[in-house]
Amino acid sequence: MSERSGSSPTAPRLARASENEKYTPLLREGVNTHRLRCGHVVLQPGESVGEHSTQAVEEAIVVLQGRAEANLGGHKPIMAAAGQVIYIPPQTIHNIRNAGEAILRYIYITVPVK
């Protein structure tokens, strides 16, 4: 849910993540921002978001709670804990999985490269 202080993408705003939803969009390109998108993801132990591609965007995963395993298209998996950030380049097939025994919470941020 976004709390708006104006109606254009140039107006400052506050976005709030849902504690119980698996996926909560926070900011959307062209609606709340010019080009940036971000959202909050909650995964149960062993659960993943599913393999997908960044296509023409770069992505950052900011781990808030738990342990994330990032499988990045043919590269060695990256393990990240709370307070760590994973960078995913454009055109990368990837999957984020909860590799811990507790809930994984993270924020993803994407920005088009062109």
PDB file of N, CA and C in Angstrom:
ATOM      1  N   MET A   1       0.840  -1.153   0.000  1.00  0.00           N
ATOM      2  CA  MET A   1       0.000   0.000   0.000  1.00  0.00           C
ATOM      3  C   MET A   1       0.897   1.230   0.000  1.00  0.00           C
ATOM      4  N   SER A   2       0.571   2.227  -0.834  1.00  0.00           N
ATOM      5  CA  SER A   2       1.340   3.472  -0.873  1.00  0.00           C
ATOM      6  C   SER A   2       0.519   4.592  -0.289  1.00  0.00           C
ATOM      7  N   GLU A   3       1.167   5.429   0.480  1.00  0.00           N
ATOM      8  CA  GLU A   3       0.527   6.619   1.010  1.00  0.00           C
ATOM      9  C   GLU A   3       1.096   7.786   0.232  1.00  0.00           C
ATOM     10  N   ARG A   4       0.225   8.477  -0.494  1.00  0.00           N
ATOM     11  CA  ARG A   4       0.675   9.527  -1.396  1.00  0.00           C
ATOM     12  C   ARG A   4       0.638  10.890  -0.731  1.00  0.00           C
ATOM     13  N   SER A   5       1.630  11.696  -1.065  1.00  0.00           N
ATOM     14  CA  SER A   5       1.618  13.082  -0.641  1.00  0.00           C
ATOM     15  C   SER A   5       1.470  13.980  -1.865  1.00  0.00           C
ATOM     16  N   GLY A   6       1.182  13.400  -3.003  1.00  0.00           N
ATOM     17  CA  GLY A   6       0.970  14.116  -4.247  1.00  0.00           C
ATOM     18  C   GLY A   6       0.518  13.140  -5.301  1.00  0.00           C
ATOM     19  N   SER A   7       0.141  13.637  -6.490  1.00  0.00           N
ATOM     20  CA  SER A   7      -0.419  12.754  -7.500  1.00  0.00           C
ATOM     21  C   SER A   7       0.542  12.405  -8.623  1.00  0.00           C
ATOM     22  N   SER A   8       1.724  12.984  -8.662  1.00  0.00           N
ATOM     23  CA  SER A   8       2.658  12.691  -9.750  1.00  0.00           C
ATOM     24  C   SER A   8       3.803  11.825  -9.251  1.00  0.00           C
ATOM     25  N   PRO A   9       4.524  11.146 -10.187  1.00  0.00           N
ATOM     26  CA  PRO A   9       5.679  10.341  -9.782  1.00  0.00           C
ATOM     27  C   PRO A   9       6.798  11.156  -9.135  1.00  0.00           C
ATOM     28  N   THR A  10       6.746  12.497  -9.249  1.00  0.00           N
ATOM     29  CA  THR A  10       7.786  13.318  -8.637  1.00  0.00           C
ATOM     30  C   THR A  10       7.474  13.677  -7.192  1.00  0.00           C
ATOM     31  N   ALA A  11       6.279  13.352  -6.715  1.00  0.00           N
ATOM     32  CA  ALA A  11       5.912  13.674  -5.334  1.00  0.00           C
ATOM     33  C   ALA A  11       6.478  12.623  -4.381  1.00  0.00           C
ATOM     34  N   PRO A  12       7.013  13.033  -3.244  1.00  0.00           N
ATOM     35  CA  PRO A  12       7.477  12.061  -2.246  1.00  0.00           C
ATOM     36  C   PRO A  12       6.309  11.200  -1.764  1.00  0.00           C
ATOM     37  N   ARG A  13       6.610   9.984  -1.359  1.00  0.00           N
ATOM     38  CA  ARG A  13       5.549   9.101  -0.878  1.00  0.00           C
ATOM     39  C   ARG A  13       6.119   8.071   0.086  1.00  0.00           C
ATOM     40  N   LEU A  14       5.235   7.497   0.846  1.00  0.00           N
ATOM     41  CA  LEU A  14       5.591   6.453   1.796  1.00  0.00           C
ATOM     42  C   LEU A  14       4.862   5.183   1.379  1.00  0.00           C
ATOM     43  N   ALA A  15       5.568   4.076   1.312  1.00  0.00           N
ATOM     44  CA  ALA A  15       4.959   2.784   0.957  1.00  0.00           C
ATOM     45  C   ALA A  15       5.102   1.847   2.149  1.00  0.00           C
ATOM     46  N   ARG A  16       4.086   1.039   2.385  1.00  0.00           N
ATOM     47  CA  ARG A  16       4.080   0.132   3.530  1.00  0.00           C
ATOM     48  C   ARG A  16       3.917  -1.312   3.044  1.00  0.00           C
ATOM     49  N   ALA A  17       4.768  -2.196   3.554  1.00  0.00           N
ATOM     50  CA  ALA A  17       4.705  -3.617   3.206  1.00  0.00           C
ATOM     51  C   ALA A  17       3.690  -4.319   4.093  1.00  0.00           C
ATOM     52  N   SER A  18       3.003  -5.293   3.525  1.00  0.00           N
ATOM     53  CA  SER A  18       2.095  -6.137   4.294  1.00  0.00           C
ATOM     54  C   SER A  18       2.904  -7.237   4.971  1.00  0.00           C
ATOM     55  N   GLU A  19       2.688  -7.457   6.225  1.00  0.00           N
ATOM     56  CA  GLU A  19       3.431  -8.486   6.973  1.00  0.00           C
ATOM     57  C   GLU A  19       3.020  -9.903   6.580  1.00  0.00           C
ATOM     58  N   ASN A  20       1.792 -10.088   6.095  1.00  0.00           N
ATOM     59  CA  ASN A  20       1.265 -11.431   5.858  1.00  0.00           C
ATOM     60  C   ASN A  20       1.181 -11.838   4.394  1.00  0.00           C
ATOM     61  N   GLU A  21       1.267 -10.900   3.489  1.00  0.00           N
ATOM     62  CA  GLU A  21       1.156 -11.203   2.067  1.00  0.00           C
ATOM     63  C   GLU A  21       2.482 -11.752   1.534  1.00  0.00           C
ATOM     64  N   LYS A  22       2.405 -12.731   0.640  1.00  0.00           N
ATOM     65  CA  LYS A  22       3.622 -13.269   0.027  1.00  0.00           C
ATOM     66  C   LYS A  22       4.305 -12.199  -0.820  1.00  0.00           C
ATOM     67  N   TYR A  23       3.527 -11.406  -1.525  1.00  0.00           N
ATOM     68  CA  TYR A  23       4.069 -10.408  -2.432  1.00  0.00           C
ATOM     69  C   TYR A  23       3.268  -9.122  -2.288  1.00  0.00           C
ATOM     70  N   THR A  24       3.956  -8.012  -2.010  1.00  0.00           N
ATOM     71  CA  THR A  24       3.311  -6.703  -1.911  1.00  0.00           C
ATOM     72  C   THR A  24       4.063  -5.716  -2.792  1.00  0.00           C
ATOM     73  N   PRO A  25       3.446  -5.252  -3.904  1.00  0.00           N
ATOM     74  CA  PRO A  25       4.097  -4.189  -4.666  1.00  0.00           C
ATOM     75  C   PRO A  25       4.128  -2.919  -3.806  1.00  0.00           C
ATOM     76  N   LEU A  26       5.265  -2.231  -3.797  1.00  0.00           N
ATOM     77  CA  LEU A  26       5.380  -1.010  -3.001  1.00  0.00           C
ATOM     78  C   LEU A  26       5.376   0.238  -3.877  1.00  0.00           C
ATOM     79  N   LEU A  27       6.233   0.269  -4.880  1.00  0.00           N
ATOM     80  CA  LEU A  27       6.301   1.390  -5.818  1.00  0.00           C
ATOM     81  C   LEU A  27       6.284   0.831  -7.230  1.00  0.00           C
ATOM     82  N   ARG A  28       5.535   1.491  -8.120  1.00  0.00           N
ATOM     83  CA  ARG A  28       5.405   1.004  -9.493  1.00  0.00           C
ATOM     84  C   ARG A  28       5.811   2.084 -10.487  1.00  0.00           C
ATOM     85  N   GLU A  29       6.574   1.654 -11.462  1.00  0.00           N
ATOM     86  CA  GLU A  29       7.041   2.545 -12.516  1.00  0.00           C
ATOM     87  C   GLU A  29       5.863   3.226 -13.207  1.00  0.00           C
ATOM     88  N   GLY A  30       5.952   4.537 -13.392  1.00  0.00           N
ATOM     89  CA  GLY A  30       4.914   5.280 -14.095  1.00  0.00           C
ATOM     90  C   GLY A  30       3.697   5.599 -13.245  1.00  0.00           C
ATOM     91  N   VAL A  31       3.576   4.986 -12.080  1.00  0.00           N
ATOM     92  CA  VAL A  31       2.450   5.251 -11.186  1.00  0.00           C
ATOM     93  C   VAL A  31       2.946   6.019  -9.968  1.00  0.00           C
ATOM     94  N   ASN A  32       3.898   5.431  -9.249  1.00  0.00           N
ATOM     95  CA  ASN A  32       4.456   6.042  -8.047  1.00  0.00           C
ATOM     96  C   ASN A  32       5.856   6.607  -8.272  1.00  0.00           C
ATOM     97  N   THR A  33       6.522   6.170  -9.350  1.00  0.00           N
ATOM     98  CA  THR A  33       7.892   6.591  -9.634  1.00  0.00           C
ATOM     99  C   THR A  33       8.051   6.794 -11.135  1.00  0.00           C
ATOM    100  N   HIS A  34       9.173   7.339 -11.534  1.00  0.00           N
ATOM    101  CA  HIS A  34       9.443   7.496 -12.968  1.00  0.00           C
ATOM    102  C   HIS A  34       9.819   6.167 -13.602  1.00  0.00           C
ATOM    103  N   ARG A  35      10.811   5.452 -13.003  1.00  0.00           N
ATOM    104  CA  ARG A  35      11.282   4.212 -13.615  1.00  0.00           C
ATOM    105  C   ARG A  35      11.501   3.081 -12.625  1.00  0.00           C
ATOM    106  N   LEU A  36      11.557   3.365 -11.356  1.00  0.00           N
ATOM    107  CA  LEU A  36      11.873   2.374 -10.326  1.00  0.00           C
ATOM    108  C   LEU A  36      10.638   1.566  -9.944  1.00  0.00           C
ATOM    109  N   ARG A  37      10.861   0.290  -9.647  1.00  0.00           N
ATOM    110  CA  ARG A  37       9.824  -0.575  -9.071  1.00  0.00           C
ATOM    111  C   ARG A  37      10.406  -1.235  -7.840  1.00  0.00           C
ATOM    112  N   CYS A  38       9.581  -1.485  -6.839  1.00  0.00           N
ATOM    113  CA  CYS A  38      10.043  -2.267  -5.701  1.00  0.00           C
ATOM    114  C   CYS A  38       8.860  -2.931  -5.026  1.00  0.00           C
ATOM    115  N   GLY A  39       9.170  -3.967  -4.285  1.00  0.00           N
ATOM    116  CA  GLY A  39       8.128  -4.706  -3.580  1.00  0.00           C
ATOM    117  C   GLY A  39       8.721  -5.493  -2.430  1.00  0.00           C
ATOM    118  N   HIS A  40       7.842  -6.006  -1.613  1.00  0.00           N
ATOM    119  CA  HIS A  40       8.204  -6.771  -0.416  1.00  0.00           C
ATOM    120  C   HIS A  40       7.774  -8.213  -0.657  1.00  0.00           C
ATOM    121  N   VAL A  41       8.652  -9.165  -0.370  1.00  0.00           N
ATOM    122  CA  VAL A  41       8.372 -10.582  -0.575  1.00  0.00           C
ATOM    123  C   VAL A  41       8.585 -11.321   0.739  1.00  0.00           C
ATOM    124  N   VAL A  42       7.664 -12.245   1.042  1.00  0.00           N
ATOM    125  CA  VAL A  42       7.753 -13.099   2.231  1.00  0.00           C
ATOM    126  C   VAL A  42       7.707 -14.548   1.762  1.00  0.00           C
ATOM    127  N   LEU A  43       8.751 -15.329   2.087  1.00  0.00           N
ATOM    128  CA  LEU A  43       8.800 -16.737   1.692  1.00  0.00           C
ATOM    129  C   LEU A  43       8.943 -17.621   2.925  1.00  0.00           C
ATOM    130  N   GLN A  44       8.211 -18.712   2.931  1.00  0.00           N
ATOM    131  CA  GLN A  44       8.304 -19.712   3.990  1.00  0.00           C
ATOM    132  C   GLN A  44       9.565 -20.555   3.753  1.00  0.00           C
ATOM    133  N   PRO A  45      10.059 -21.264   4.772  1.00  0.00           N
ATOM    134  CA  PRO A  45      11.249 -22.110   4.598  1.00  0.00           C
ATOM    135  C   PRO A  45      11.098 -23.050   3.385  1.00  0.00           C
ATOM    136  N   GLY A  46      12.126 -23.066   2.530  1.00  0.00           N
ATOM    137  CA  GLY A  46      12.129 -23.914   1.345  1.00  0.00           C
ATOM    138  C   GLY A  46      11.379 -23.342   0.153  1.00  0.00           C
ATOM    139  N   GLU A  47      10.574 -22.337   0.347  1.00  0.00           N
ATOM    140  CA  GLU A  47       9.771 -21.748  -0.732  1.00  0.00           C
ATOM    141  C   GLU A  47      10.639 -20.842  -1.606  1.00  0.00           C
ATOM    142  N   SER A  48      10.280 -20.727  -2.890  1.00  0.00           N
ATOM    143  CA  SER A  48      11.003 -19.835  -3.791  1.00  0.00           C
ATOM    144  C   SER A  48      10.016 -18.995  -4.594  1.00  0.00           C
ATOM    145  N   VAL A  49      10.525 -17.961  -5.260  1.00  0.00           N
ATOM    146  CA  VAL A  49       9.671 -17.116  -6.092  1.00  0.00           C
ATOM    147  C   VAL A  49       9.472 -17.717  -7.478  1.00  0.00           C
ATOM    148  N   GLY A  50      10.332 -18.637  -7.863  1.00  0.00           N
ATOM    149  CA  GLY A  50      10.254 -19.232  -9.196  1.00  0.00           C
ATOM    150  C   GLY A  50      11.225 -18.558 -10.150  1.00  0.00           C
ATOM    151  N   GLU A  51      11.790 -19.345 -11.021  1.00  0.00           N
ATOM    152  CA  GLU A  51      12.783 -18.844 -11.968  1.00  0.00           C
ATOM    153  C   GLU A  51      12.150 -17.841 -12.926  1.00  0.00           C
ATOM    154  N   HIS A  52      12.827 -16.717 -13.110  1.00  0.00           N
ATOM    155  CA  HIS A  52      12.389 -15.679 -14.042  1.00  0.00           C
ATOM    156  C   HIS A  52      13.599 -14.860 -14.467  1.00  0.00           C
ATOM    157  N   SER A  53      13.417 -13.977 -15.439  1.00  0.00           N
ATOM    158  CA  SER A  53      14.526 -13.178 -15.962  1.00  0.00           C
ATOM    159  C   SER A  53      14.376 -11.711 -15.581  1.00  0.00           C
ATOM    160  N   THR A  54      15.494 -11.054 -15.356  1.00  0.00           N
ATOM    161  CA  THR A  54      15.473  -9.621 -15.119  1.00  0.00           C
ATOM    162  C   THR A  54      15.184  -8.860 -16.417  1.00  0.00           C
ATOM    163  N   GLN A  55      15.359  -9.497 -17.543  1.00  0.00           N
ATOM    164  CA  GLN A  55      15.177  -8.882 -18.853  1.00  0.00           C
ATOM    165  C   GLN A  55      16.001  -7.608 -18.941  1.00  0.00           C
ATOM    166  N   ALA A  56      15.385  -6.463 -19.220  1.00  0.00           N
ATOM    167  CA  ALA A  56      16.133  -5.217 -19.419  1.00  0.00           C
ATOM    168  C   ALA A  56      16.167  -4.344 -18.163  1.00  0.00           C
ATOM    169  N   VAL A  57      16.183  -4.976 -16.987  1.00  0.00           N
ATOM    170  CA  VAL A  57      16.298  -4.220 -15.735  1.00  0.00           C
ATOM    171  C   VAL A  57      17.427  -4.798 -14.898  1.00  0.00           C
ATOM    172  N   GLU A  58      17.978  -3.968 -14.029  1.00  0.00           N
ATOM    173  CA  GLU A  58      18.886  -4.483 -13.014  1.00  0.00           C
ATOM    174  C   GLU A  58      18.090  -4.531 -11.720  1.00  0.00           C
ATOM    175  N   GLU A  59      18.468  -5.459 -10.835  1.00  0.00           N
ATOM    176  CA  GLU A  59      17.680  -5.706  -9.634  1.00  0.00           C
ATOM    177  C   GLU A  59      18.586  -5.816  -8.413  1.00  0.00           C
ATOM    178  N   ALA A  60      18.096  -5.293  -7.314  1.00  0.00           N
ATOM    179  CA  ALA A  60      18.759  -5.463  -6.027  1.00  0.00           C
ATOM    180  C   ALA A  60      17.768  -6.144  -5.089  1.00  0.00           C
ATOM    181  N   ILE A  61      18.261  -7.124  -4.344  1.00  0.00           N
ATOM    182  CA  ILE A  61      17.479  -7.831  -3.328  1.00  0.00           C
ATOM    183  C   ILE A  61      18.068  -7.428  -1.980  1.00  0.00           C
ATOM    184  N   VAL A  62      17.269  -6.795  -1.139  1.00  0.00           N
ATOM    185  CA  VAL A  62      17.708  -6.362   0.184  1.00  0.00           C
ATOM    186  C   VAL A  62      17.074  -7.302   1.205  1.00  0.00           C
ATOM    187  N   VAL A  63      17.888  -8.152   1.810  1.00  0.00           N
ATOM    188  CA  VAL A  63      17.365  -9.139   2.757  1.00  0.00           C
ATOM    189  C   VAL A  63      17.108  -8.455   4.100  1.00  0.00           C
ATOM    190  N   LEU A  64      15.863  -8.564   4.562  1.00  0.00           N
ATOM    191  CA  LEU A  64      15.454  -7.955   5.827  1.00  0.00           C
ATOM    192  C   LEU A  64      15.492  -8.950   6.981  1.00  0.00           C
ATOM    193  N   GLN A  65      15.131 -10.196   6.671  1.00  0.00           N
ATOM    194  CA  GLN A  65      15.036 -11.236   7.709  1.00  0.00           C
ATOM    195  C   GLN A  65      15.226 -12.595   7.055  1.00  0.00           C
ATOM    196  N   GLY A  66      15.956 -13.486   7.695  1.00  0.00           N
ATOM    197  CA  GLY A  66      16.137 -14.848   7.205  1.00  0.00           C
ATOM    198  C   GLY A  66      17.369 -15.010   6.331  1.00  0.00           C
ATOM    199  N   ARG A  67      17.386 -16.150   5.590  1.00  0.00           N
ATOM    200  CA  ARG A  67      18.505 -16.489   4.701  1.00  0.00           C
ATOM    201  C   ARG A  67      17.986 -16.725   3.293  1.00  0.00           C
ATOM    202  N   ALA A  68      18.566 -15.996   2.344  1.00  0.00           N
ATOM    203  CA  ALA A  68      18.173 -16.121   0.940  1.00  0.00           C
ATOM    204  C   ALA A  68      19.259 -16.827   0.156  1.00  0.00           C
ATOM    205  N   GLU A  69      18.838 -17.688  -0.751  1.00  0.00           N
ATOM    206  CA  GLU A  69      19.749 -18.289  -1.721  1.00  0.00           C
ATOM    207  C   GLU A  69      19.343 -17.763  -3.086  1.00  0.00           C
ATOM    208  N   ALA A  70      20.259 -17.081  -3.761  1.00  0.00           N
ATOM    209  CA  ALA A  70      20.008 -16.556  -5.097  1.00  0.00           C
ATOM    210  C   ALA A  70      20.717 -17.431  -6.106  1.00  0.00           C
ATOM    211  N   ASN A  71      19.954 -18.085  -6.965  1.00  0.00           N
ATOM    212  CA  ASN A  71      20.506 -18.875  -8.061  1.00  0.00           C
ATOM    213  C   ASN A  71      20.449 -17.996  -9.301  1.00  0.00           C
ATOM    214  N   LEU A  72      21.635 -17.665  -9.817  1.00  0.00           N
ATOM    215  CA  LEU A  72      21.754 -16.667 -10.876  1.00  0.00           C
ATOM    216  C   LEU A  72      22.325 -17.272 -12.145  1.00  0.00           C
ATOM    217  N   GLY A  73      21.469 -17.764 -12.989  1.00  0.00           N
ATOM    218  CA  GLY A  73      21.799 -18.246 -14.312  1.00  0.00           C
ATOM    219  C   GLY A  73      23.192 -18.776 -14.555  1.00  0.00           C
ATOM    220  N   GLY A  74      23.515 -19.930 -14.000  1.00  0.00           N
ATOM    221  CA  GLY A  74      24.778 -20.576 -14.278  1.00  0.00           C
ATOM    222  C   GLY A  74      25.926 -20.167 -13.375  1.00  0.00           C
ATOM    223  N   HIS A  75      25.721 -19.186 -12.522  1.00  0.00           N
ATOM    224  CA  HIS A  75      26.754 -18.781 -11.566  1.00  0.00           C
ATOM    225  C   HIS A  75      26.569 -19.559 -10.267  1.00  0.00           C
ATOM    226  N   LYS A  76      27.604 -19.572  -9.452  1.00  0.00           N
ATOM    227  CA  LYS A  76      27.526 -20.192  -8.134  1.00  0.00           C
ATOM    228  C   LYS A  76      26.443 -19.475  -7.313  1.00  0.00           C
ATOM    229  N   PRO A  77      25.569 -20.212  -6.600  1.00  0.00           N
ATOM    230  CA  PRO A  77      24.525 -19.565  -5.787  1.00  0.00           C
ATOM    231  C   PRO A  77      25.133 -18.592  -4.776  1.00  0.00           C
ATOM    232  N   ILE A  78      24.414 -17.512  -4.526  1.00  0.00           N
ATOM    233  CA  ILE A  78      24.811 -16.519  -3.533  1.00  0.00           C
ATOM    234  C   ILE A  78      23.908 -16.678  -2.321  1.00  0.00           C
ATOM    235  N   MET A  79      24.512 -16.796  -1.139  1.00  0.00           N
ATOM    236  CA  MET A  79      23.758 -16.865   0.110  1.00  0.00           C
ATOM    237  C   MET A  79      23.812 -15.492   0.761  1.00  0.00           C
ATOM    238  N   ALA A  80      22.674 -15.006   1.236  1.00  0.00           N
ATOM    239  CA  ALA A  80      22.626 -13.689   1.876  1.00  0.00           C
ATOM    240  C   ALA A  80      21.750 -13.749   3.115  1.00  0.00           C
ATOM    241  N   ALA A  81      22.134 -12.977   4.118  1.00  0.00           N
ATOM    242  CA  ALA A  81      21.393 -12.890   5.376  1.00  0.00           C
ATOM    243  C   ALA A  81      20.916 -11.454   5.572  1.00  0.00           C
ATOM    244  N   ALA A  82      20.147 -11.248   6.628  1.00  0.00           N
ATOM    245  CA  ALA A  82      19.611  -9.919   6.939  1.00  0.00           C
ATOM    246  C   ALA A  82      20.718  -8.872   6.904  1.00  0.00           C
ATOM    247  N   GLY A  83      20.433  -7.757   6.247  1.00  0.00           N
ATOM    248  CA  GLY A  83      21.393  -6.673   6.141  1.00  0.00           C
ATOM    249  C   GLY A  83      22.280  -6.746   4.920  1.00  0.00           C
ATOM    250  N   GLN A  84      22.154  -7.822   4.128  1.00  0.00           N
ATOM    251  CA  GLN A  84      22.969  -7.964   2.922  1.00  0.00           C
ATOM    252  C   GLN A  84      22.130  -7.698   1.678  1.00  0.00           C
ATOM    253  N   VAL A  85      22.821  -7.297   0.603  1.00  0.00           N
ATOM    254  CA  VAL A  85      22.170  -6.954  -0.658  1.00  0.00           C
ATOM    255  C   VAL A  85      22.750  -7.810  -1.774  1.00  0.00           C
ATOM    256  N   ILE A  86      21.876  -8.359  -2.601  1.00  0.00           N
ATOM    257  CA  ILE A  86      22.284  -9.146  -3.769  1.00  0.00           C
ATOM    258  C   ILE A  86      22.007  -8.297  -5.007  1.00  0.00           C
ATOM    259  N   TYR A  87      22.996  -8.141  -5.887  1.00  0.00           N
ATOM    260  CA  TYR A  87      22.805  -7.443  -7.157  1.00  0.00           C
ATOM    261  C   TYR A  87      22.608  -8.473  -8.262  1.00  0.00           C
ATOM    262  N   ILE A  88      21.576  -8.258  -9.087  1.00  0.00           N
ATOM    263  CA  ILE A  88      21.292  -9.149 -10.219  1.00  0.00           C
ATOM    264  C   ILE A  88      21.332  -8.315 -11.495  1.00  0.00           C
ATOM    265  N   PRO A  89      22.290  -8.594 -12.389  1.00  0.00           N
ATOM    266  CA  PRO A  89      22.425  -7.817 -13.621  1.00  0.00           C
ATOM    267  C   PRO A  89      21.263  -8.049 -14.586  1.00  0.00           C
ATOM    268  N   PRO A  90      21.107  -7.161 -15.573  1.00  0.00           N
ATOM    269  CA  PRO A  90      20.100  -7.362 -16.612  1.00  0.00           C
ATOM    270  C   PRO A  90      20.314  -8.683 -17.351  1.00  0.00           C
ATOM    271  N   GLN A  91      19.252  -9.190 -17.942  1.00  0.00           N
ATOM    272  CA  GLN A  91      19.273 -10.410 -18.765  1.00  0.00           C
ATOM    273  C   GLN A  91      19.741 -11.634 -17.983  1.00  0.00           C
ATOM    274  N   THR A  92      19.418 -11.707 -16.696  1.00  0.00           N
ATOM    275  CA  THR A  92      19.840 -12.824 -15.854  1.00  0.00           C
ATOM    276  C   THR A  92      18.636 -13.648 -15.413  1.00  0.00           C
ATOM    277  N   ILE A  93      18.641 -14.921 -15.759  1.00  0.00           N
ATOM    278  CA  ILE A  93      17.618 -15.841 -15.252  1.00  0.00           C
ATOM    279  C   ILE A  93      18.003 -16.150 -13.811  1.00  0.00           C
ATOM    280  N   HIS A  94      17.040 -16.004 -12.915  1.00  0.00           N
ATOM    281  CA  HIS A  94      17.355 -16.174 -11.500  1.00  0.00           C
ATOM    282  C   HIS A  94      16.144 -16.662 -10.705  1.00  0.00           C
ATOM    283  N   ASN A  95      16.426 -17.107  -9.487  1.00  0.00           N
ATOM    284  CA  ASN A  95      15.401 -17.550  -8.549  1.00  0.00           C
ATOM    285  C   ASN A  95      15.903 -17.238  -7.149  1.00  0.00           C
ATOM    286  N   ILE A  96      15.014 -16.772  -6.295  1.00  0.00           N
ATOM    287  CA  ILE A  96      15.336 -16.517  -4.898  1.00  0.00           C
ATOM    288  C   ILE A  96      14.592 -17.559  -4.071  1.00  0.00           C
ATOM    289  N   ARG A  97      15.333 -18.240  -3.199  1.00  0.00           N
ATOM    290  CA  ARG A  97      14.755 -19.302  -2.369  1.00  0.00           C
ATOM    291  C   ARG A  97      15.073 -19.037  -0.903  1.00  0.00           C
ATOM    292  N   ASN A  98      14.113 -19.358  -0.037  1.00  0.00           N
ATOM    293  CA  ASN A  98      14.352 -19.276   1.398  1.00  0.00           C
ATOM    294  C   ASN A  98      15.188 -20.482   1.790  1.00  0.00           C
ATOM    295  N   ALA A  99      16.449 -20.235   2.166  1.00  0.00           N
ATOM    296  CA  ALA A  99      17.373 -21.312   2.516  1.00  0.00           C
ATOM    297  C   ALA A  99      17.474 -21.509   4.024  1.00  0.00           C
ATOM    298  N   GLY A 100      16.629 -20.840   4.776  1.00  0.00           N
ATOM    299  CA  GLY A 100      16.689 -20.934   6.230  1.00  0.00           C
ATOM    300  C   GLY A 100      15.533 -21.728   6.809  1.00  0.00           C
ATOM    301  N   GLU A 101      15.468 -21.730   8.126  1.00  0.00           N
ATOM    302  CA  GLU A 101      14.407 -22.439   8.847  1.00  0.00           C
ATOM    303  C   GLU A 101      13.331 -21.499   9.352  1.00  0.00           C
ATOM    304  N   ALA A 102      13.492 -20.198   9.099  1.00  0.00           N
ATOM    305  CA  ALA A 102      12.516 -19.186   9.500  1.00  0.00           C
ATOM    306  C   ALA A 102      12.037 -18.448   8.253  1.00  0.00           C
ATOM    307  N   ILE A 103      11.100 -17.555   8.405  1.00  0.00           N
ATOM    308  CA  ILE A 103      10.578 -16.763   7.294  1.00  0.00           C
ATOM    309  C   ILE A 103      11.691 -15.910   6.690  1.00  0.00           C
ATOM    310  N   LEU A 104      11.665 -15.788   5.365  1.00  0.00           N
ATOM    311  CA  LEU A 104      12.555 -14.885   4.640  1.00  0.00           C
ATOM    312  C   LEU A 104      11.725 -13.681   4.210  1.00  0.00           C
ATOM    313  N   ARG A 105      12.205 -12.486   4.533  1.00  0.00           N
ATOM    314  CA  ARG A 105      11.572 -11.246   4.077  1.00  0.00           C
ATOM    315  C   ARG A 105      12.634 -10.440   3.343  1.00  0.00           C
ATOM    316  N   TYR A 106      12.253  -9.948   2.159  1.00  0.00           N
ATOM    317  CA  TYR A 106      13.185  -9.088   1.432  1.00  0.00           C
ATOM    318  C   TYR A 106      12.435  -8.063   0.594  1.00  0.00           C
ATOM    319  N   ILE A 107      13.157  -7.018   0.243  1.00  0.00           N
ATOM    320  CA  ILE A 107      12.673  -5.992  -0.672  1.00  0.00           C
ATOM    321  C   ILE A 107      13.435  -6.166  -1.970  1.00  0.00           C
ATOM    322  N   TYR A 108      12.716  -6.168  -3.091  1.00  0.00           N
ATOM    323  CA  TYR A 108      13.396  -6.157  -4.392  1.00  0.00           C
ATOM    324  C   TYR A 108      13.222  -4.747  -4.978  1.00  0.00           C
ATOM    325  N   ILE A 109      14.239  -4.304  -5.687  1.00  0.00           N
ATOM    326  CA  ILE A 109      14.223  -2.994  -6.346  1.00  0.00           C
ATOM    327  C   ILE A 109      14.704  -3.208  -7.770  1.00  0.00           C
ATOM    328  N   THR A 110      13.935  -2.757  -8.755  1.00  0.00           N
ATOM    329  CA  THR A 110      14.341  -2.893 -10.152  1.00  0.00           C
ATOM    330  C   THR A 110      14.303  -1.530 -10.832  1.00  0.00           C
ATOM    331  N   VAL A 111      15.238  -1.349 -11.765  1.00  0.00           N
ATOM    332  CA  VAL A 111      15.316  -0.125 -12.555  1.00  0.00           C
ATOM    333  C   VAL A 111      15.692  -0.524 -13.979  1.00  0.00           C
ATOM    334  N   PRO A 112      14.960  -0.017 -14.987  1.00  0.00           N
ATOM    335  CA  PRO A 112      15.339  -0.296 -16.383  1.00  0.00           C
ATOM    336  C   PRO A 112      16.731   0.244 -16.683  1.00  0.00           C
ATOM    337  N   VAL A 113      17.478  -0.483 -17.520  1.00  0.00           N
ATOM    338  CA  VAL A 113      18.825  -0.046 -17.868  1.00  0.00           C
ATOM    339  C   VAL A 113      18.839   0.921 -19.053  1.00  0.00           C
ATOM    340  N   LYS A 114      17.760   1.023 -19.774  1.00  0.00           N
ATOM    341  CA  LYS A 114      17.679   1.970 -20.913  1.00  0.00           C
ATOM    342  C   LYS A 114      16.447   2.811 -20.804  1.00  0.00           C
TER     343      LYS A 114
END
